[in-house]
Amino acid sequence: MRRGIVIGAVLGVLVALPAAAHAQAGQQSPALTPDLSLKAKPGSGGRLALTFTGRSRRLLRFVKGKQIYVRCSVVPSTNLLADPPLTSTRRVKKPHGSRLKLRFKALARYDFCMVYSLRQGAFAFVSLTDHGRTYVDYNLRALEIAAALAMIYGESSATGKPPLTDVAVSRLKPLIVALPTRDAVPPRGQIGYWSDGSAIALAAVAADGTRLFYTLDGGSIETQNISQYLAFDAS
């Protein structure tokens, strides 16, 4: 797979990241992705009460327009074409407060829900099952790596080469931290970066301890395990 195709796909994902999240970049951990502070309370008859708390409530205020969408889904299989995931989407009025009530026919079958707008993409997620919690966590870590990758390529636009580790960290801290080697594990809650001026490595750690990573060497993909998780389609 050529680098241009991969980078193009990554940038396509980043279009969906809300601008409001970028404004939070001063926090300790990368805050370039949708938020998990949305709370869910499933009820009988497919009823679902959502409460926007913390940063998800602040992001809700940044959403332009009068409508938002709530999509609930099962965790997709690795073969989306052969086995498309079960999903259901509701278009609702953007709430003036922090609460939203909906009904989904097959709510008990879903693993997670996402809230998004057509103009600004997904901005909040909530897990309904343990399986959904793991999947959402992996996706958000993958999106953080993708966002960091886009910033790294922004830093290298003048020279055509990725910045060295120390240079990138000094310019982009606290969004990224230095990795001592390309295979190192970053602290939890941080995106790690390593580069020798030619090859690069980006990594994050999921809640269950799994290392998610993206490496590029000599202008072509060497290895990565994030593409399958860049799957939050808000179209």
C-alpha atoms as a PDB file:
ATOM      1  CA  MET A   1       0.000   0.000   0.000  1.00  0.00           C
ATOM      2  CA  ARG A   2       1.446   3.365  -0.999  1.00  0.00           C
ATOM      3  CA  ARG A   3       2.008   6.053   1.578  1.00  0.00           C
ATOM      4  CA  GLY A   4      -0.161   8.597  -0.246  1.00  0.00           C
ATOM      5  CA  ILE A   5      -3.172   6.309  -0.096  1.00  0.00           C
ATOM      6  CA  VAL A   6      -2.717   5.657   3.602  1.00  0.00           C
ATOM      7  CA  ILE A   7      -2.137   9.303   4.497  1.00  0.00           C
ATOM      8  CA  GLY A   8      -5.137  10.304   2.387  1.00  0.00           C
ATOM      9  CA  ALA A   9      -7.328   7.836   4.236  1.00  0.00           C
ATOM     10  CA  VAL A  10      -6.056   9.095   7.579  1.00  0.00           C
ATOM     11  CA  LEU A  11      -6.718  12.708   6.647  1.00  0.00           C
ATOM     12  CA  GLY A  12     -10.183  11.706   5.518  1.00  0.00           C
ATOM     13  CA  VAL A  13     -10.843  10.421   9.013  1.00  0.00           C
ATOM     14  CA  LEU A  14      -9.540  13.630  10.543  1.00  0.00           C
ATOM     15  CA  VAL A  15     -12.086  15.712   8.647  1.00  0.00           C
ATOM     16  CA  ALA A  16     -14.691  14.268  10.999  1.00  0.00           C
ATOM     17  CA  LEU A  17     -12.879  15.403  14.156  1.00  0.00           C
ATOM     18  CA  PRO A  18     -14.684  18.401  15.639  1.00  0.00           C
ATOM     19  CA  ALA A  19     -12.833  21.705  15.725  1.00  0.00           C
ATOM     20  CA  ALA A  20     -13.938  22.133  19.317  1.00  0.00           C
ATOM     21  CA  ALA A  21     -11.794  19.199  20.329  1.00  0.00           C
ATOM     22  CA  HIS A  22      -8.691  20.835  18.859  1.00  0.00           C
ATOM     23  CA  ALA A  23      -9.285  23.781  21.160  1.00  0.00           C
ATOM     24  CA  GLN A  24      -8.701  21.453  24.105  1.00  0.00           C
ATOM     25  CA  ALA A  25      -5.151  20.639  22.983  1.00  0.00           C
ATOM     26  CA  GLY A  26      -3.606  22.091  26.122  1.00  0.00           C
ATOM     27  CA  GLN A  27      -4.708  19.153  28.245  1.00  0.00           C
ATOM     28  CA  GLN A  28      -2.219  16.543  29.401  1.00  0.00           C
ATOM     29  CA  SER A  29      -3.489  13.794  27.136  1.00  0.00           C
ATOM     30  CA  PRO A  30      -4.245  14.293  23.424  1.00  0.00           C
ATOM     31  CA  ALA A  31      -7.745  15.759  23.161  1.00  0.00           C
ATOM     32  CA  LEU A  32      -8.184  15.610  19.405  1.00  0.00           C
ATOM     33  CA  THR A  33     -10.897  12.996  19.376  1.00  0.00           C
ATOM     34  CA  PRO A  34     -14.533  12.613  20.402  1.00  0.00           C
ATOM     35  CA  ASP A  35     -15.309  12.336  24.085  1.00  0.00           C
ATOM     36  CA  LEU A  36     -16.388   9.445  26.306  1.00  0.00           C
ATOM     37  CA  SER A  37     -18.132  11.459  29.041  1.00  0.00           C
ATOM     38  CA  LEU A  38     -21.572  10.721  27.558  1.00  0.00           C
ATOM     39  CA  LYS A  39     -23.668   8.620  29.955  1.00  0.00           C
ATOM     40  CA  ALA A  40     -26.306   6.091  28.921  1.00  0.00           C
ATOM     41  CA  LYS A  41     -29.210   4.576  30.856  1.00  0.00           C
ATOM     42  CA  PRO A  42     -30.988   1.819  28.900  1.00  0.00           C
ATOM     43  CA  GLY A  43     -34.608   1.215  29.835  1.00  0.00           C
ATOM     44  CA  SER A  44     -37.409  -1.151  28.963  1.00  0.00           C
ATOM     45  CA  GLY A  45     -38.915  -1.239  25.495  1.00  0.00           C
ATOM     46  CA  GLY A  46     -35.716  -0.060  23.819  1.00  0.00           C
ATOM     47  CA  ARG A  47     -35.689   3.252  25.671  1.00  0.00           C
ATOM     48  CA  LEU A  48     -32.322   4.975  25.966  1.00  0.00           C
ATOM     49  CA  ALA A  49     -31.620   8.057  28.054  1.00  0.00           C
ATOM     50  CA  LEU A  50     -28.399   9.902  27.219  1.00  0.00           C
ATOM     51  CA  THR A  51     -26.808  12.517  29.451  1.00  0.00           C
ATOM     52  CA  PHE A  52     -24.045  14.770  28.177  1.00  0.00           C
ATOM     53  CA  THR A  53     -21.545  15.431  30.966  1.00  0.00           C
ATOM     54  CA  GLY A  54     -18.087  16.938  31.160  1.00  0.00           C
ATOM     55  CA  ARG A  55     -16.437  17.647  27.836  1.00  0.00           C
ATOM     56  CA  SER A  56     -19.146  15.950  25.778  1.00  0.00           C
ATOM     57  CA  ARG A  57     -21.562  18.601  27.030  1.00  0.00           C
ATOM     58  CA  ARG A  58     -19.146  21.362  26.075  1.00  0.00           C
ATOM     59  CA  LEU A  59     -18.648  19.818  22.639  1.00  0.00           C
ATOM     60  CA  LEU A  60     -22.415  19.629  22.178  1.00  0.00           C
ATOM     61  CA  ARG A  61     -22.596  23.400  22.469  1.00  0.00           C
ATOM     62  CA  PHE A  62     -20.102  23.754  19.610  1.00  0.00           C
ATOM     63  CA  VAL A  63     -22.255  21.710  17.225  1.00  0.00           C
ATOM     64  CA  LYS A  64     -23.722  23.902  14.509  1.00  0.00           C
ATOM     65  CA  GLY A  65     -27.257  23.396  13.294  1.00  0.00           C
ATOM     66  CA  LYS A  66     -30.440  22.237  14.980  1.00  0.00           C
ATOM     67  CA  GLN A  67     -30.115  18.484  14.476  1.00  0.00           C
ATOM     68  CA  ILE A  68     -27.794  15.753  15.664  1.00  0.00           C
ATOM     69  CA  TYR A  69     -27.702  12.020  15.013  1.00  0.00           C
ATOM     70  CA  VAL A  70     -27.415   9.111  17.418  1.00  0.00           C
ATOM     71  CA  ARG A  71     -26.225   5.829  15.943  1.00  0.00           C
ATOM     72  CA  CYS A  72     -26.110   2.618  17.962  1.00  0.00           C
ATOM     73  CA  SER A  73     -24.248  -0.390  16.622  1.00  0.00           C
ATOM     74  CA  VAL A  74     -22.816  -3.784  17.348  1.00  0.00           C
ATOM     75  CA  VAL A  75     -19.061  -4.134  17.158  1.00  0.00           C
ATOM     76  CA  PRO A  76     -18.306  -4.855  13.485  1.00  0.00           C
ATOM     77  CA  SER A  77     -16.535  -7.977  12.360  1.00  0.00           C
ATOM     78  CA  THR A  78     -13.162  -7.820  10.644  1.00  0.00           C
ATOM     79  CA  ASN A  79     -14.887  -8.434   7.296  1.00  0.00           C
ATOM     80  CA  LEU A  80     -17.291  -5.527   6.879  1.00  0.00           C
ATOM     81  CA  LEU A  81     -18.253  -6.452   3.320  1.00  0.00           C
ATOM     82  CA  ALA A  82     -19.236 -10.021   4.145  1.00  0.00           C
ATOM     83  CA  ASP A  83     -20.739  -9.223   7.531  1.00  0.00           C
ATOM     84  CA  PRO A  84     -21.923  -5.593   7.791  1.00  0.00           C
ATOM     85  CA  PRO A  85     -22.631  -4.531  11.385  1.00  0.00           C
ATOM     86  CA  LEU A  86     -26.143  -4.099  12.732  1.00  0.00           C
ATOM     87  CA  THR A  87     -26.772  -0.377  13.243  1.00  0.00           C
ATOM     88  CA  SER A  88     -29.676   1.965  13.837  1.00  0.00           C
ATOM     89  CA  THR A  89     -29.637   5.759  13.563  1.00  0.00           C
ATOM     90  CA  ARG A  90     -31.981   8.401  14.963  1.00  0.00           C
ATOM     91  CA  ARG A  91     -32.073  12.022  13.816  1.00  0.00           C
ATOM     92  CA  VAL A  92     -33.137  14.270  16.689  1.00  0.00           C
ATOM     93  CA  LYS A  93     -33.250  17.925  17.618  1.00  0.00           C
ATOM     94  CA  LYS A  94     -30.142  19.171  19.344  1.00  0.00           C
ATOM     95  CA  PRO A  95     -31.096  19.347  23.033  1.00  0.00           C
ATOM     96  CA  HIS A  96     -30.927  22.685  24.819  1.00  0.00           C
ATOM     97  CA  GLY A  97     -29.944  20.939  28.035  1.00  0.00           C
ATOM     98  CA  SER A  98     -27.839  17.884  28.772  1.00  0.00           C
ATOM     99  CA  ARG A  99     -30.424  15.093  28.417  1.00  0.00           C
ATOM    100  CA  LEU A 100     -31.748  13.231  25.410  1.00  0.00           C
ATOM    101  CA  LYS A 101     -34.328  10.420  25.304  1.00  0.00           C
ATOM    102  CA  LEU A 102     -34.645   7.979  22.402  1.00  0.00           C
ATOM    103  CA  ARG A 103     -35.966   4.540  21.562  1.00  0.00           C
ATOM    104  CA  PHE A 104     -34.235   1.801  19.580  1.00  0.00           C
ATOM    105  CA  LYS A 105     -36.041  -1.364  18.575  1.00  0.00           C
ATOM    106  CA  ALA A 106     -33.030  -3.655  19.034  1.00  0.00           C
ATOM    107  CA  LEU A 107     -31.232  -1.724  21.769  1.00  0.00           C
ATOM    108  CA  ALA A 108     -30.302  -4.848  23.730  1.00  0.00           C
ATOM    109  CA  ARG A 109     -28.232  -6.087  20.786  1.00  0.00           C
ATOM    110  CA  TYR A 110     -26.046  -2.996  20.467  1.00  0.00           C
ATOM    111  CA  ASP A 111     -22.567  -2.572  21.928  1.00  0.00           C
ATOM    112  CA  PHE A 112     -22.058   1.185  21.682  1.00  0.00           C
ATOM    113  CA  CYS A 113     -23.598   4.439  20.455  1.00  0.00           C
ATOM    114  CA  MET A 114     -22.081   7.497  18.836  1.00  0.00           C
ATOM    115  CA  VAL A 115     -23.451  11.037  18.580  1.00  0.00           C
ATOM    116  CA  TYR A 116     -22.543  13.146  15.578  1.00  0.00           C
ATOM    117  CA  SER A 117     -23.503  16.011  13.296  1.00  0.00           C
ATOM    118  CA  LEU A 118     -23.233  15.901   9.515  1.00  0.00           C
ATOM    119  CA  ARG A 119     -21.085  19.032   9.443  1.00  0.00           C
ATOM    120  CA  GLN A 120     -18.700  18.316  12.295  1.00  0.00           C
ATOM    121  CA  GLY A 121     -18.644  14.562  12.623  1.00  0.00           C
ATOM    122  CA  ALA A 122     -18.713  12.414  15.748  1.00  0.00           C
ATOM    123  CA  PHE A 123     -18.191  14.119  19.082  1.00  0.00           C
ATOM    124  CA  ALA A 124     -19.372  11.688  21.761  1.00  0.00           C
ATOM    125  CA  PHE A 125     -19.457   7.936  22.337  1.00  0.00           C
ATOM    126  CA  VAL A 126     -20.930   5.701  24.982  1.00  0.00           C
ATOM    127  CA  SER A 127     -20.480   1.970  25.531  1.00  0.00           C
ATOM    128  CA  LEU A 128     -23.393  -0.324  26.267  1.00  0.00           C
ATOM    129  CA  THR A 129     -21.381  -3.553  26.719  1.00  0.00           C
ATOM    130  CA  ASP A 130     -17.856  -4.561  27.715  1.00  0.00           C
ATOM    131  CA  HIS A 131     -17.189  -5.543  24.101  1.00  0.00           C
ATOM    132  CA  GLY A 132     -18.298  -2.108  22.978  1.00  0.00           C
ATOM    133  CA  ARG A 133     -16.142  -0.417  25.604  1.00  0.00           C
ATOM    134  CA  THR A 134     -13.010  -2.117  24.291  1.00  0.00           C
ATOM    135  CA  TYR A 135     -13.873  -1.396  20.672  1.00  0.00           C
ATOM    136  CA  VAL A 136     -14.573   2.287  21.311  1.00  0.00           C
ATOM    137  CA  ASP A 137     -11.352   2.644  23.288  1.00  0.00           C
ATOM    138  CA  TYR A 138      -9.327   1.114  20.445  1.00  0.00           C
ATOM    139  CA  ASN A 139     -10.996   3.438  17.941  1.00  0.00           C
ATOM    140  CA  LEU A 140     -10.303   6.556  19.952  1.00  0.00           C
ATOM    141  CA  ARG A 141      -6.660   5.616  20.440  1.00  0.00           C
ATOM    142  CA  ALA A 142      -6.382   4.971  16.682  1.00  0.00           C
ATOM    143  CA  LEU A 143      -7.924   8.377  15.958  1.00  0.00           C
ATOM    144  CA  GLU A 144      -5.430  10.029  18.296  1.00  0.00           C
ATOM    145  CA  ILE A 145      -2.574   8.371  16.408  1.00  0.00           C
ATOM    146  CA  ALA A 146      -4.109   9.498  13.102  1.00  0.00           C
ATOM    147  CA  ALA A 147      -4.421  13.069  14.382  1.00  0.00           C
ATOM    148  CA  ALA A 148      -0.812  13.060  15.578  1.00  0.00           C
ATOM    149  CA  LEU A 149       0.291  11.680  12.216  1.00  0.00           C
ATOM    150  CA  ALA A 150      -1.425  14.543  10.408  1.00  0.00           C
ATOM    151  CA  MET A 151       0.350  17.064  12.641  1.00  0.00           C
ATOM    152  CA  ILE A 152       3.695  15.364  12.033  1.00  0.00           C
ATOM    153  CA  TYR A 153       3.198  15.663   8.291  1.00  0.00           C
ATOM    154  CA  GLY A 154       2.251  19.280   8.761  1.00  0.00           C
ATOM    155  CA  GLU A 155       5.570  19.822  10.514  1.00  0.00           C
ATOM    156  CA  SER A 156       7.448  18.090   7.680  1.00  0.00           C
ATOM    157  CA  SER A 157       5.768  19.930   4.794  1.00  0.00           C
ATOM    158  CA  ALA A 158       8.696  22.343   4.317  1.00  0.00           C
ATOM    159  CA  THR A 159      11.514  19.791   4.264  1.00  0.00           C
ATOM    160  CA  GLY A 160       9.695  16.712   3.014  1.00  0.00           C
ATOM    161  CA  LYS A 161      11.171  14.724   5.901  1.00  0.00           C
ATOM    162  CA  PRO A 162       9.617  13.949   9.267  1.00  0.00           C
ATOM    163  CA  PRO A 163      11.011  15.912  12.210  1.00  0.00           C
ATOM    164  CA  LEU A 164      13.367  14.198  14.598  1.00  0.00           C
ATOM    165  CA  THR A 165      11.866  12.978  17.842  1.00  0.00           C
ATOM    166  CA  ASP A 166      13.073  15.851  20.028  1.00  0.00           C
ATOM    167  CA  VAL A 167      12.105  18.483  17.466  1.00  0.00           C
ATOM    168  CA  ALA A 168       8.578  17.174  17.047  1.00  0.00           C
ATOM    169  CA  VAL A 169       8.014  16.807  20.778  1.00  0.00           C
ATOM    170  CA  SER A 170       9.245  20.348  21.479  1.00  0.00           C
ATOM    171  CA  ARG A 171       6.820  21.740  18.904  1.00  0.00           C
ATOM    172  CA  LEU A 172       3.801  19.563  19.634  1.00  0.00           C
ATOM    173  CA  LYS A 173       3.981  18.909  23.373  1.00  0.00           C
ATOM    174  CA  PRO A 174       1.945  17.986  25.345  1.00  0.00           C
ATOM    175  CA  LEU A 175       0.118  16.257  22.491  1.00  0.00           C
ATOM    176  CA  ILE A 176       2.956  13.795  21.941  1.00  0.00           C
ATOM    177  CA  VAL A 177       5.789  12.424  24.060  1.00  0.00           C
ATOM    178  CA  ALA A 178       9.141  11.030  22.984  1.00  0.00           C
ATOM    179  CA  LEU A 179       9.644   7.303  22.451  1.00  0.00           C
ATOM    180  CA  PRO A 180      13.210   6.152  23.153  1.00  0.00           C
ATOM    181  CA  THR A 181      12.958   3.538  20.380  1.00  0.00           C
ATOM    182  CA  ARG A 182      10.516   2.839  17.572  1.00  0.00           C
ATOM    183  CA  ASP A 183       9.066  -0.174  19.419  1.00  0.00           C
ATOM    184  CA  ALA A 184       8.758   1.491  22.833  1.00  0.00           C
ATOM    185  CA  VAL A 185       5.478   1.724  24.741  1.00  0.00           C
ATOM    186  CA  PRO A 186       4.318   5.253  25.657  1.00  0.00           C
ATOM    187  CA  PRO A 187       2.760   6.157  28.996  1.00  0.00           C
ATOM    188  CA  ARG A 188      -0.957   5.459  29.143  1.00  0.00           C
ATOM    189  CA  GLY A 189      -2.982   8.434  27.969  1.00  0.00           C
ATOM    190  CA  GLN A 190      -0.179   9.745  25.744  1.00  0.00           C
ATOM    191  CA  ILE A 191       0.743   9.431  22.080  1.00  0.00           C
ATOM    192  CA  GLY A 192       4.389   8.426  21.687  1.00  0.00           C
ATOM    193  CA  TYR A 193       6.528   9.514  18.731  1.00  0.00           C
ATOM    194  CA  TRP A 194       9.921   8.411  17.443  1.00  0.00           C
ATOM    195  CA  SER A 195      11.845   9.367  14.296  1.00  0.00           C
ATOM    196  CA  ASP A 196      15.389   9.281  12.995  1.00  0.00           C
ATOM    197  CA  GLY A 197      14.551  11.830  10.303  1.00  0.00           C
ATOM    198  CA  SER A 198      13.433   9.208   7.816  1.00  0.00           C
ATOM    199  CA  ALA A 199      11.364   6.528   9.526  1.00  0.00           C
ATOM    200  CA  ILE A 200       8.664   7.341  12.049  1.00  0.00           C
ATOM    201  CA  ALA A 201       6.725   5.483  14.724  1.00  0.00           C
ATOM    202  CA  LEU A 202       3.601   6.546  16.607  1.00  0.00           C
ATOM    203  CA  ALA A 203       2.038   4.516  19.404  1.00  0.00           C
ATOM    204  CA  ALA A 204      -0.641   4.571  22.086  1.00  0.00           C
ATOM    205  CA  VAL A 205      -1.796   2.151  24.752  1.00  0.00           C
ATOM    206  CA  ALA A 206      -5.410   1.006  25.053  1.00  0.00           C
ATOM    207  CA  ALA A 207      -7.118   0.527  28.405  1.00  0.00           C
ATOM    208  CA  ASP A 208      -6.502  -3.231  28.269  1.00  0.00           C
ATOM    209  CA  GLY A 209      -2.763  -2.689  27.698  1.00  0.00           C
ATOM    210  CA  THR A 210      -2.738  -3.331  23.928  1.00  0.00           C
ATOM    211  CA  ARG A 211      -0.158  -1.262  22.056  1.00  0.00           C
ATOM    212  CA  LEU A 212      -1.653   0.413  18.988  1.00  0.00           C
ATOM    213  CA  PHE A 213       0.911   1.721  16.530  1.00  0.00           C
ATOM    214  CA  TYR A 214       1.757   3.105  13.114  1.00  0.00           C
ATOM    215  CA  THR A 215       5.257   2.985  11.607  1.00  0.00           C
ATOM    216  CA  LEU A 216       6.511   4.257   8.276  1.00  0.00           C
ATOM    217  CA  ASP A 217       9.904   3.450   6.826  1.00  0.00           C
ATOM    218  CA  GLY A 218      11.422   4.482   3.506  1.00  0.00           C
ATOM    219  CA  GLY A 219       8.218   6.036   2.191  1.00  0.00           C
ATOM    220  CA  SER A 220       6.046   2.920   2.490  1.00  0.00           C
ATOM    221  CA  ILE A 221       3.985   1.335   5.234  1.00  0.00           C
ATOM    222  CA  GLU A 222       6.088  -0.992   7.343  1.00  0.00           C
ATOM    223  CA  THR A 223       3.465  -2.070   9.828  1.00  0.00           C
ATOM    224  CA  GLN A 224       0.425  -0.768  11.703  1.00  0.00           C
ATOM    225  CA  ASN A 225      -2.609  -2.072  13.531  1.00  0.00           C
ATOM    226  CA  ILE A 226      -4.920   0.959  13.533  1.00  0.00           C
ATOM    227  CA  SER A 227      -6.604   0.992  10.115  1.00  0.00           C
ATOM    228  CA  GLN A 228      -9.305  -1.460  11.163  1.00  0.00           C
ATOM    229  CA  TYR A 229     -10.294   0.860  13.986  1.00  0.00           C
ATOM    230  CA  LEU A 230     -10.581   4.044  11.927  1.00  0.00           C
ATOM    231  CA  ALA A 231     -14.139   2.996  11.283  1.00  0.00           C
ATOM    232  CA  PHE A 232     -16.460   5.572  12.852  1.00  0.00           C
ATOM    233  CA  ASP A 233     -18.428   6.421   9.741  1.00  0.00           C
ATOM    234  CA  ALA A 234     -20.691   9.397  10.432  1.00  0.00           C
ATOM    235  CA  SER A 235     -22.169   9.665   6.972  1.00  0.00           C
END
